[in-house]
């Protein structure tokens, strides 16, 4: 177990709120009630304090793993013993099918080989002008409102990141299909805690829950819209959109066999990239602007850095690596509010982990939200302090102590895209606007696969 980091000389006086953990392991009925309302509220306090916590019921066993050395075993050194869970496959079966997020074994490796070249760092940097342009367009919309207006930051970030993913992946996309995908994706995630709870209890898939109809309708709309996008692209010349990710995905071939993806697999993966590619970044930026509104001194530090690097010119690819303060703020945001707050795996066979015997099928859960706030890992874990990610301090952390993009062979394939996009958008927005918190509104972090603020994120925005 890693020890807590050394405290810095002067920490910002800010303690972001968090979900109150359950006082102890809850009886099953209370666990499920908390879980459906907000999965984070079902985590007992021990998960924030101990290296491994076991929760057993008659139907299933959950092992929460928070010690980085044990997380490394699960995700890296023994990853073949801990494959993806049937729970994850079940909850995304209607939408993401057997794509890169949900598949395993040879089928996953084949898809990863095809898609990896599309996400090389050099390839991603070519999209930075598109990313900063989307942020400038948002600023223009805000300028049309009265000065100091309250803006719904969560909605604005979702619209902006979806614009980016549409223009980079779909060469501008089709307006009708893009709108359906954005709306239906939100509808699907809204009720997903019910599906996860049913899967954890191993209840039959035919048994309905309060979100069943909404999720099925949303999934059908999502897959139909994506298939129509693919069909439209095939029916016109690829020349105009050959540089976008969809065009390149259609042209991609397995490097060993030369085989393309099937239509079904194209839908699986395009939908994965569309949803994961904007939803997680949107949530990271939403929480980041909230933290900056509560820490205006960090807003100014970002603003000064961006002006020193880029002046008033648009953020370009060459600027991304010259904005270390901006990136430290983003990393600290993702520590406190990780866009994907939970990772899960399954014990494929009888084994041991941290001295604990695990039966085949045991759910092994890595609560990233709790790991990032663990009392044994972080000094003053609820405090916002971007200087935790100064290079000399970050180098001391376990690689699974901070993992907003996961870890191991299945680390998020879009990690470089997300960091470049978040850096370009944040730099563009903070250079030209200031964000003000009202001093009262405290959003609850709500886990719905991604981490969203319950009730939204209203902030007052002043254009500079």
Protein backbone atom coordinates (compact mmCIF):
# COMPACT_ATOMS: atom_id res chain seq x y z
CA UNK A 1 0.00 0.00 0.00
CA UNK A 2 1.32 3.42 -0.92
CA UNK A 3 1.62 5.96 1.83
CA UNK A 4 -0.04 9.36 1.77
CA UNK A 5 1.78 12.08 -0.15
CA UNK A 6 3.57 14.90 1.59
CA UNK A 7 1.50 18.05 2.01
CA UNK A 8 2.51 21.14 0.10
CA UNK A 9 3.44 24.34 1.82
CA UNK A 10 0.34 26.29 0.85
CA UNK A 11 -2.83 24.46 -0.13
CA UNK A 12 -5.91 26.21 -1.49
CA UNK A 13 -8.53 26.57 1.22
CA UNK A 14 -11.17 24.57 -0.59
CA UNK A 15 -12.90 21.34 0.32
CA UNK A 16 -15.14 20.11 -2.47
CA UNK A 17 -18.19 18.23 -1.23
CA UNK A 18 -18.53 14.52 -1.78
CA UNK A 19 -21.19 11.87 -1.32
CA UNK A 20 -21.55 10.84 2.30
CA UNK A 21 -20.46 7.19 2.52
CA UNK A 22 -22.64 4.63 4.24
CA UNK A 23 -21.56 4.26 7.90
CA UNK A 24 -21.04 0.53 7.48
CA UNK A 25 -21.84 -2.41 5.22
CA UNK A 26 -25.56 -2.10 4.55
CA UNK A 27 -28.18 -4.86 4.60
CA UNK A 28 -29.15 -5.89 1.08
CA UNK A 29 -32.43 -3.95 0.86
CA UNK A 30 -30.80 -0.70 1.98
CA UNK A 31 -27.79 -1.31 -0.25
CA UNK A 32 -30.07 -1.67 -3.27
CA UNK A 33 -32.14 1.41 -2.40
CA UNK A 34 -28.97 3.50 -2.06
CA UNK A 35 -27.50 1.97 -5.19
CA UNK A 36 -30.49 2.78 -7.40
CA UNK A 37 -30.59 6.35 -6.10
CA UNK A 38 -26.83 6.86 -6.41
CA UNK A 39 -24.36 3.95 -6.48
CA UNK A 40 -21.74 6.08 -4.70
CA UNK A 41 -23.99 6.36 -1.62
CA UNK A 42 -23.94 2.56 -1.24
CA UNK A 43 -20.15 2.54 -0.71
CA UNK A 44 -19.34 2.04 2.99
CA UNK A 45 -16.80 4.28 4.72
CA UNK A 46 -14.36 1.32 4.89
CA UNK A 47 -13.87 1.56 1.13
CA UNK A 48 -12.22 4.97 1.67
CA UNK A 49 -9.98 3.60 4.43
CA UNK A 50 -9.13 -0.08 3.83
CA UNK A 51 -7.26 -1.85 1.02
CA UNK A 52 -9.99 -4.43 0.36
CA UNK A 53 -13.61 -4.74 1.55
CA UNK A 54 -15.88 -7.74 1.02
CA UNK A 55 -19.68 -7.62 0.76
CA UNK A 56 -21.47 -10.98 0.62
CA UNK A 57 -25.10 -11.81 -0.02
CA UNK A 58 -26.84 -15.07 -0.84
CA UNK A 59 -26.91 -14.13 -4.52
CA UNK A 60 -23.48 -12.64 -5.08
CA UNK A 61 -20.21 -11.39 -3.61
CA UNK A 62 -18.71 -7.96 -4.23
CA UNK A 63 -15.06 -7.26 -3.42
CA UNK A 64 -14.14 -3.57 -3.42
CA UNK A 65 -10.42 -3.23 -4.16
CA UNK A 66 -8.69 0.09 -3.42
CA UNK A 67 -5.03 -0.73 -2.68
CA UNK A 68 -3.02 0.21 -5.80
CA UNK A 69 -0.86 -2.91 -5.61
CA UNK A 70 -4.03 -5.07 -5.68
CA UNK A 71 -5.60 -2.96 -8.43
CA UNK A 72 -2.43 -3.53 -10.46
CA UNK A 73 -2.85 -7.27 -10.04
CA UNK A 74 -6.42 -7.12 -11.32
CA UNK A 75 -5.85 -4.73 -14.23
CA UNK A 76 -2.24 -5.44 -15.21
CA UNK A 77 -0.19 -8.34 -13.94
CA UNK A 78 -3.07 -10.85 -13.64
CA UNK A 79 -5.56 -9.24 -16.01
CA UNK A 80 -6.34 -12.49 -17.83
CA UNK A 81 -7.62 -13.94 -14.54
CA UNK A 82 -9.98 -10.97 -14.12
CA UNK A 83 -11.92 -10.43 -17.36
CA UNK A 84 -14.77 -8.00 -17.99
CA UNK A 85 -17.92 -8.88 -16.09
CA UNK A 86 -21.23 -10.22 -17.45
CA UNK A 87 -22.77 -7.25 -15.59
CA UNK A 88 -21.11 -4.74 -17.92
CA UNK A 89 -21.92 -6.78 -20.99
CA UNK A 90 -25.55 -7.07 -19.90
CA UNK A 91 -26.14 -3.39 -19.22
CA UNK A 92 -24.62 -2.32 -22.55
CA UNK A 93 -25.84 -5.25 -24.67
CA UNK A 94 -28.66 -3.15 -26.15
CA UNK A 95 -26.41 -0.24 -27.14
CA UNK A 96 -22.70 -1.07 -27.44
CA UNK A 97 -23.16 -4.70 -28.39
CA UNK A 98 -19.84 -6.49 -28.75
CA UNK A 99 -17.65 -3.47 -29.38
CA UNK A 100 -14.26 -2.56 -27.99
CA UNK A 101 -15.62 -1.58 -24.56
CA UNK A 102 -17.60 -4.75 -23.86
CA UNK A 103 -15.91 -7.54 -25.82
CA UNK A 104 -13.12 -9.80 -24.63
CA UNK A 105 -10.48 -12.22 -25.85
CA UNK A 106 -9.50 -12.38 -29.50
CA UNK A 107 -12.48 -10.30 -30.65
CA UNK A 108 -11.41 -7.42 -28.40
CA UNK A 109 -7.77 -7.68 -29.50
CA UNK A 110 -8.82 -7.59 -33.19
CA UNK A 111 -10.86 -4.42 -32.67
CA UNK A 112 -8.13 -2.76 -30.61
CA UNK A 113 -5.59 -3.41 -33.38
CA UNK A 114 -7.85 -1.81 -35.96
CA UNK A 115 -8.70 1.25 -33.88
CA UNK A 116 -5.41 2.00 -32.12
CA UNK A 117 -3.77 3.79 -35.10
CA UNK A 118 -6.71 6.23 -35.21
CA UNK A 119 -5.85 7.46 -31.72
CA UNK A 120 -2.09 8.00 -31.89
CA UNK A 121 -1.04 11.26 -30.26
CA UNK A 122 0.12 12.78 -33.55
CA UNK A 123 -3.18 11.90 -35.19
CA UNK A 124 -5.17 13.45 -32.35
CA UNK A 125 -3.31 16.76 -32.43
CA UNK A 126 -4.62 17.47 -35.94
CA UNK A 127 -8.09 17.86 -34.38
CA UNK A 128 -7.10 20.56 -31.86
CA UNK A 129 -8.24 23.49 -34.06
CA UNK A 130 -11.69 21.88 -34.29
CA UNK A 131 -11.78 21.53 -30.51
CA UNK A 132 -10.84 25.14 -29.79
CA UNK A 133 -13.25 26.38 -32.49
CA UNK A 134 -16.16 24.62 -30.77
CA UNK A 135 -15.25 26.41 -27.52
CA UNK A 136 -15.07 29.78 -29.32
CA UNK A 137 -18.56 29.17 -30.72
CA UNK A 138 -19.84 28.57 -27.19
CA UNK A 139 -18.29 31.86 -26.07
CA UNK A 140 -20.07 33.61 -28.95
CA UNK A 141 -23.41 32.18 -27.78
CA UNK A 142 -22.72 33.38 -24.25
CA UNK A 143 -21.86 36.87 -25.55
CA UNK A 144 -25.38 37.11 -26.95
CA UNK A 145 -26.80 36.78 -23.41
CA UNK A 146 -26.93 39.62 -20.85
CA UNK A 147 -23.59 40.12 -19.03
CA UNK A 148 -23.16 37.88 -15.99
CA UNK A 149 -25.95 35.48 -16.97
CA UNK A 150 -26.40 32.14 -15.25
CA UNK A 151 -25.37 29.41 -17.68
CA UNK A 152 -26.16 25.70 -17.46
CA UNK A 153 -22.57 24.53 -17.67
CA UNK A 154 -23.39 20.82 -17.84
CA UNK A 155 -25.58 21.30 -20.91
CA UNK A 156 -23.08 23.65 -22.54
CA UNK A 157 -20.21 21.19 -22.10
CA UNK A 158 -22.29 18.31 -23.46
CA UNK A 159 -23.23 20.33 -26.55
CA UNK A 160 -19.65 21.51 -27.08
CA UNK A 161 -17.99 18.11 -26.76
CA UNK A 162 -20.65 16.54 -28.94
CA UNK A 163 -19.92 19.18 -31.57
CA UNK A 164 -16.25 18.18 -31.40
CA UNK A 165 -16.90 14.47 -31.66
CA UNK A 166 -19.37 15.03 -34.50
CA UNK A 167 -16.94 17.15 -36.51
CA UNK A 168 -13.91 14.94 -35.94
CA UNK A 169 -15.64 11.58 -36.18
CA UNK A 170 -18.40 12.38 -38.66
CA UNK A 171 -16.94 15.32 -40.62
CA UNK A 172 -19.75 17.50 -39.31
CA UNK A 173 -22.23 14.69 -38.99
CA UNK A 174 -25.86 14.67 -39.97
CA UNK A 175 -27.86 17.09 -37.83
CA UNK A 176 -30.90 14.83 -37.36
CA UNK A 177 -28.94 11.71 -36.42
CA UNK A 178 -26.53 13.65 -34.20
CA UNK A 179 -29.42 15.15 -32.23
CA UNK A 180 -31.03 11.71 -31.78
CA UNK A 181 -27.77 10.23 -30.53
CA UNK A 182 -27.23 13.02 -28.01
CA UNK A 183 -30.78 12.85 -26.64
CA UNK A 184 -31.14 9.07 -26.63
CA UNK A 185 -27.75 8.60 -24.97
CA UNK A 186 -28.88 10.72 -22.02
CA UNK A 187 -32.19 8.85 -21.80
CA UNK A 188 -30.40 5.50 -21.69
CA UNK A 189 -28.01 6.47 -18.88
CA UNK A 190 -30.74 8.11 -16.79
CA UNK A 191 -32.16 4.75 -15.61
CA UNK A 192 -29.07 2.60 -15.85
CA UNK A 193 -28.67 2.05 -12.08
CA UNK A 194 -31.73 -0.22 -12.19
CA UNK A 195 -30.13 -2.38 -14.86
CA UNK A 196 -26.86 -2.60 -12.92
CA UNK A 197 -28.66 -3.55 -9.70
CA UNK A 198 -30.63 -6.30 -11.48
CA UNK A 199 -27.42 -7.60 -13.05
CA UNK A 200 -25.57 -7.66 -9.70
CA UNK A 201 -28.45 -9.68 -8.22
CA UNK A 202 -28.36 -11.97 -11.28
CA UNK A 203 -32.05 -11.46 -11.88
CA UNK A 204 -33.30 -12.73 -15.27
CA UNK A 205 -33.03 -10.34 -18.20
CA UNK A 206 -36.73 -10.74 -19.00
CA UNK A 207 -37.72 -9.30 -15.60
CA UNK A 208 -38.64 -5.61 -16.15
CA UNK A 209 -37.64 -2.72 -13.92
CA UNK A 210 -38.85 0.92 -13.83
CA UNK A 211 -36.35 1.94 -16.51
CA UNK A 212 -36.77 -0.97 -18.91
CA UNK A 213 -39.02 0.67 -21.50
CA UNK A 214 -37.09 3.95 -21.55
CA UNK A 215 -33.74 2.18 -21.95
CA UNK A 216 -34.98 -0.13 -24.73
CA UNK A 217 -36.48 2.75 -26.68
CA UNK A 218 -33.31 4.80 -26.27
CA UNK A 219 -31.11 1.89 -27.37
CA UNK A 220 -33.21 1.33 -30.48
CA UNK A 221 -33.03 5.01 -31.41
CA UNK A 222 -29.27 5.08 -30.85
CA UNK A 223 -28.43 2.08 -33.01
CA UNK A 224 -30.83 3.08 -35.79
CA UNK A 225 -29.35 6.58 -35.96
CA UNK A 226 -25.78 5.26 -36.08
CA UNK A 227 -26.61 2.73 -38.81
CA UNK A 228 -28.18 5.54 -40.86
CA UNK A 229 -24.99 7.58 -40.48
CA UNK A 230 -22.93 4.66 -41.76
CA UNK A 231 -25.31 4.08 -44.69
CA UNK A 232 -25.23 7.76 -45.68
CA UNK A 233 -21.44 7.78 -45.61
CA UNK A 234 -21.25 4.70 -47.82
CA UNK A 235 -23.67 6.23 -50.30
CA UNK A 236 -21.51 9.25 -50.99
CA UNK A 237 -17.91 9.80 -51.92
CA UNK A 238 -15.51 9.37 -49.01
CA UNK A 239 -13.32 12.15 -50.35
CA UNK A 240 -15.01 14.93 -48.38
CA UNK A 241 -14.85 13.07 -45.09
CA UNK A 242 -11.91 10.78 -45.57
CA UNK A 243 -9.96 12.44 -42.73
CA UNK A 244 -12.67 11.95 -40.13
CA UNK A 245 -12.71 8.98 -37.80
CA UNK A 246 -15.76 7.31 -39.36
CA UNK A 247 -14.23 7.43 -42.82
CA UNK A 248 -11.03 5.95 -41.49
CA UNK A 249 -12.89 3.33 -39.47
CA UNK A 250 -14.74 2.25 -42.63
CA UNK A 251 -11.44 2.00 -44.47
CA UNK A 252 -9.57 0.26 -41.63
CA UNK A 253 -8.44 -3.33 -42.07
CA UNK A 254 -7.10 -5.82 -39.57
CA UNK A 255 -3.30 -5.66 -39.96
CA UNK A 256 -3.01 -9.46 -39.82
CA UNK A 257 -6.00 -10.64 -41.88
CA UNK A 258 -6.93 -7.61 -43.97
CA UNK A 259 -10.58 -7.99 -42.90
CA UNK A 260 -12.83 -4.94 -42.33
CA UNK A 261 -15.37 -4.59 -39.53
CA UNK A 262 -18.88 -5.91 -40.06
CA UNK A 263 -21.76 -3.42 -40.08
CA UNK A 264 -22.92 -4.61 -36.67
CA UNK A 265 -19.44 -4.17 -35.26
CA UNK A 266 -19.15 -0.74 -36.88
CA UNK A 267 -22.34 0.33 -35.11
CA UNK A 268 -21.04 -1.10 -31.81
CA UNK A 269 -17.78 0.79 -32.03
CA UNK A 270 -19.00 4.03 -33.57
CA UNK A 271 -21.64 4.28 -30.85
CA UNK A 272 -18.99 3.53 -28.21
CA UNK A 273 -16.77 6.30 -29.53
CA UNK A 274 -19.64 8.78 -29.91
CA UNK A 275 -20.96 8.20 -26.39
CA UNK A 276 -17.70 7.67 -24.49
CA UNK A 277 -15.93 10.24 -26.65
CA UNK A 278 -18.04 13.17 -25.57
CA UNK A 279 -19.83 12.17 -22.35
CA UNK A 280 -16.74 11.67 -20.19
CA UNK A 281 -14.98 14.82 -21.42
CA UNK A 282 -18.14 16.87 -20.95
CA UNK A 283 -18.44 15.74 -17.35
CA UNK A 284 -14.75 16.39 -16.62
CA UNK A 285 -15.07 19.94 -17.95
CA UNK A 286 -18.31 20.54 -16.03
CA UNK A 287 -16.71 19.58 -12.71
CA UNK A 288 -13.55 21.50 -13.61
CA UNK A 289 -15.40 24.78 -14.16
CA UNK A 290 -17.26 24.24 -10.88
CA UNK A 291 -13.98 23.82 -8.99
CA UNK A 292 -12.49 26.84 -10.73
CA UNK A 293 -15.55 28.90 -9.81
CA UNK A 294 -14.79 28.00 -6.20
CA UNK A 295 -11.08 28.67 -6.62
CA UNK A 296 -10.80 31.89 -8.71
CA UNK A 297 -7.05 32.09 -8.07
CA UNK A 298 -6.64 28.97 -10.23
CA UNK A 299 -8.81 30.51 -12.93
CA UNK A 300 -6.36 33.40 -13.07
CA UNK A 301 -3.36 31.10 -13.17
CA UNK A 302 -4.82 29.27 -16.17
CA UNK A 303 -5.72 32.57 -17.85
CA UNK A 304 -2.21 33.94 -17.39
CA UNK A 305 -0.67 30.73 -18.74
CA UNK A 306 -2.87 30.64 -21.84
CA UNK A 307 -2.22 34.30 -22.69
CA UNK A 308 1.53 33.79 -22.22
CA UNK A 309 1.51 30.77 -24.54
CA UNK A 310 -1.06 31.69 -27.19
CA UNK A 311 -1.93 35.34 -26.67
CA UNK A 312 -5.36 35.92 -28.19
CA UNK A 313 -4.81 33.45 -31.03
CA UNK A 314 -6.81 30.21 -31.26
CA UNK A 315 -5.42 27.27 -29.29
CA UNK A 316 -3.51 25.03 -31.68
CA UNK A 317 -1.83 21.65 -31.44
CA UNK A 318 1.56 23.16 -30.62
CA UNK A 319 0.09 24.85 -27.53
CA UNK A 320 -1.30 21.74 -25.80
CA UNK A 321 1.97 20.56 -24.26
CA UNK A 322 2.84 24.13 -23.25
CA UNK A 323 -0.11 24.39 -20.82
CA UNK A 324 1.04 22.40 -17.76
CA UNK A 325 -1.02 24.41 -15.24
CA UNK A 326 -4.17 23.87 -17.27
CA UNK A 327 -3.46 20.16 -17.41
CA UNK A 328 -2.70 19.94 -13.67
CA UNK A 329 -6.09 21.50 -12.94
CA UNK A 330 -7.76 18.96 -15.23
CA UNK A 331 -5.97 16.06 -13.55
CA UNK A 332 -6.91 17.23 -10.06
CA UNK A 333 -10.50 17.62 -11.23
CA UNK A 334 -10.50 14.05 -12.52
CA UNK A 335 -9.02 12.88 -9.23
CA UNK A 336 -11.86 14.42 -7.23
CA UNK A 337 -14.56 13.78 -9.81
CA UNK A 338 -13.41 10.92 -12.08
CA UNK A 339 -15.59 10.86 -15.22
CA UNK A 340 -15.86 7.05 -14.97
CA UNK A 341 -16.18 6.53 -11.19
CA UNK A 342 -16.16 2.71 -11.12
CA UNK A 343 -14.29 -0.11 -12.88
CA UNK A 344 -15.33 -3.73 -12.51
CA UNK A 345 -13.93 -7.14 -13.30
CA UNK A 346 -14.77 -10.75 -12.40
CA UNK A 347 -12.76 -13.60 -10.95
CA UNK A 348 -12.78 -16.10 -13.82
CA UNK A 349 -11.73 -18.98 -11.56
CA UNK A 350 -11.20 -19.68 -7.87
CA UNK A 351 -8.24 -17.55 -6.78
CA UNK A 352 -6.93 -15.28 -4.05
CA UNK A 353 -6.47 -11.52 -3.94
CA UNK A 354 -4.83 -9.72 -1.07
CA UNK A 355 -4.95 -12.95 0.96
CA UNK A 356 -8.70 -13.30 0.42
CA UNK A 357 -10.11 -16.39 -1.29
CA UNK A 358 -12.40 -15.55 -4.20
CA UNK A 359 -14.96 -17.88 -5.72
CA UNK A 360 -15.42 -18.07 -9.49
CA UNK A 361 -17.73 -15.28 -10.60
CA UNK A 362 -16.91 -12.93 -7.72
CA UNK A 363 -17.49 -9.29 -8.69
CA UNK A 364 -14.23 -7.38 -8.25
CA UNK A 365 -14.98 -3.66 -8.17
CA UNK A 366 -12.42 -0.86 -8.22
CA UNK A 367 -14.30 2.23 -7.02
CA UNK A 368 -12.16 4.89 -8.72
CA UNK A 369 -14.06 7.63 -6.91
CA UNK A 370 -13.02 6.14 -3.54
CA UNK A 371 -9.46 5.31 -4.65
CA UNK A 372 -8.97 8.93 -5.68
CA UNK A 373 -10.11 10.07 -2.22
CA UNK A 374 -8.61 7.25 -0.16
CA UNK A 375 -7.27 8.32 3.22
CA UNK A 376 -4.18 6.10 2.96
CA UNK A 377 -3.26 7.40 -0.47
CA UNK A 378 -3.79 11.16 -0.42
CA UNK A 379 -2.94 13.91 2.01
CA UNK A 380 -6.17 15.79 2.77
CA UNK A 381 -7.94 13.78 0.06
CA UNK A 382 -11.01 16.02 -0.36
CA UNK A 383 -8.96 19.18 -0.90
CA UNK A 384 -8.61 20.70 -4.36
CA UNK A 385 -4.87 21.08 -4.96
CA UNK A 386 -3.69 20.92 -8.60
CA UNK A 387 -0.08 21.05 -7.41
CA UNK A 388 -0.45 17.38 -6.46
CA UNK A 389 0.30 16.87 -10.14
CA UNK A 390 3.55 18.77 -10.33
CA UNK A 391 5.88 16.35 -12.14
CA UNK A 392 8.03 15.57 -9.09
CA UNK A 393 4.98 14.71 -6.98
CA UNK A 394 3.09 12.81 -9.67
CA UNK A 395 6.14 10.61 -10.25
CA UNK A 396 5.77 9.19 -6.73
CA UNK A 397 2.25 7.86 -7.21
CA UNK A 398 1.37 4.29 -8.03
CA UNK A 399 0.18 4.05 -11.62
CA UNK A 400 -3.18 2.75 -10.33
CA UNK A 401 -3.48 5.41 -7.61
CA UNK A 402 -4.73 7.90 -10.21
CA UNK A 403 -6.56 6.29 -13.13
CA UNK A 404 -9.32 8.41 -14.65
CA UNK A 405 -8.86 6.45 -17.88
CA UNK A 406 -8.41 3.02 -16.31
CA UNK A 407 -5.18 1.06 -16.50
CA UNK A 408 -3.62 -1.99 -18.11
CA UNK A 409 -4.24 -3.39 -21.59
CA UNK A 410 -7.79 -2.03 -21.56
CA UNK A 411 -6.86 1.54 -20.69
CA UNK A 412 -9.16 3.99 -22.52
CA UNK A 413 -8.18 4.09 -26.18
CA UNK A 414 -9.36 7.70 -26.40
CA UNK A 415 -7.25 9.00 -23.50
CA UNK A 416 -5.05 11.26 -25.67
CA UNK A 417 -8.10 12.59 -27.51
CA UNK A 418 -9.86 13.40 -24.22
CA UNK A 419 -6.87 15.20 -22.69
CA UNK A 420 -6.19 17.25 -25.82
CA UNK A 421 -9.87 18.17 -26.14
CA UNK A 422 -10.30 19.09 -22.47
CA UNK A 423 -7.10 21.17 -22.51
CA UNK A 424 -8.07 23.07 -25.68
CA UNK A 425 -11.63 23.77 -24.52
CA UNK A 426 -10.69 24.74 -20.96
CA UNK A 427 -7.89 27.03 -22.11
CA UNK A 428 -10.16 28.74 -24.64
CA UNK A 429 -13.03 29.27 -22.18
CA UNK A 430 -11.03 30.48 -19.18
CA UNK A 431 -8.98 32.91 -21.24
CA UNK A 432 -12.17 34.74 -22.31
CA UNK A 433 -14.60 34.20 -19.45
CA UNK A 434 -14.69 34.01 -15.67
CA UNK A 435 -16.91 31.58 -13.79
CA UNK A 436 -18.58 32.48 -10.52
CA UNK A 437 -20.11 30.18 -7.89
CA UNK A 438 -23.09 31.48 -5.90
CA UNK A 439 -21.62 30.22 -2.61
CA UNK A 440 -24.62 28.01 -1.89
CA UNK A 441 -25.30 25.44 -4.59
CA UNK A 442 -23.49 22.17 -3.81
CA UNK A 443 -24.08 19.55 -6.53
CA UNK A 444 -24.17 15.90 -5.54
CA UNK A 445 -21.87 13.68 -7.64
CA UNK A 446 -24.26 11.17 -9.22
CA UNK A 447 -22.92 7.98 -10.76
CA UNK A 448 -24.69 7.04 -13.99
CA UNK A 449 -21.77 5.21 -15.60
CA UNK A 450 -20.27 8.69 -15.89
CA UNK A 451 -20.16 11.09 -12.95
CA UNK A 452 -22.69 13.87 -13.38
CA UNK A 453 -23.82 16.68 -11.05
CA UNK A 454 -27.31 15.94 -9.77
CA UNK A 455 -29.53 18.87 -10.70
CA UNK A 456 -27.08 20.27 -13.22
CA UNK A 457 -24.35 22.89 -12.87
CA UNK A 458 -25.54 26.52 -12.92
CA UNK A 459 -22.68 29.04 -12.80
CA UNK A 460 -22.59 32.78 -13.46
CA UNK A 461 -20.43 33.58 -16.49
CA UNK A 462 -18.77 36.94 -17.10
CA UNK A 463 -17.21 37.48 -20.52
CA UNK A 464 -13.86 39.29 -20.34
